[in-house]
Amino acid sequence: MSEETASEGETVEEGPTYTGAWEMVDSSMPSIRQFRQSVPGGWLILCSTDEGSSTTFLPDAERAWQPPIKQSRKKSDFFG
């Protein structure tokens, strides 16, 4: 992380920039669509079926979860 100086000698850490890109996780279950987005400290997960959808946060600061990715797109391309 980079740092920038605020006022009067205070130091403010500048965090990483998050692009809002969603990745479609390749799944063996065609009736369930899974997407993930990198967020601070882990992943935002979206699971979608014809009946509805659900989101959750998966803690993974080390980015150890590396499933097969079917495709990567901006949010508007998947859900727009």
Foldseek 3Di string as FASTA:
>chain_A
DDWDADPPRDIDDDDDDFDQKKWWFDDPDVQKTWIWGDDAQFIWIWIDGPVGIDIDTDGDNPPPDDGHTPGMDHPVVVPD
